[in-house]
Amino acid sequence: MIRGSWHDVMQVCINGHKITEYAESQPESRQSFCADCGEKTIDACPKCGESIQGHHHMEDVYDFTDDYPVPKHCIHCGAAYPWQVAAIENLKEIFQESELSLQDREELDKALPDIMRDTPKTESASLKVKRIMAKLRKPLYDVAIKVVTDVASETTKKTLGLG
């Protein structure tokens, strides 16, 4: 029996659906492919190979909740996981489908890295995104807001009134 405090391994499909946060302690919960979308699953960062951090086990504490969120970035190397990269690309494609000017799209591209993570520029980048997104027509705006909500940092969500 493993004793002390330790983190299990999370398994996630490449689209970001959590399979299990107990991949090490409950190997029977692993799946090769996602039941939701059929994509391949991973349990380690494709860039550095370190395990995706799962449930935090603590000695003599029994917690059976399954509430660890799927991370956006690797805690070992900082790389975005495949689902985060795909969501960012999706957001860029949404902006490409809009009537936004080239200048607005370039401003959005520059602001995206700072709305994805909390940085010293997150609030100003979030305000730029909010200003530019206000120019989108309703259907595109609604889709863009949903994607931004999925990929943005907590600071960005608060600045945009989403959190």
Foldseek 3Di string as FASTA:
>chain_A
DDAAKDWAWWKAFLQQHTQALHCPVCVVSDDQADPVPGGGIDQAAPVPGHGQTGDIDGGPDDDPDGDDGRDQADPVPGHGGNNLVVLVVVLLVLVVPFPQDPVLSVLLVVLVVLFQDPDPCNLVSLVSVLVRLVPGPDVSSVVNVVSSVVRGDPNSCVSNVND
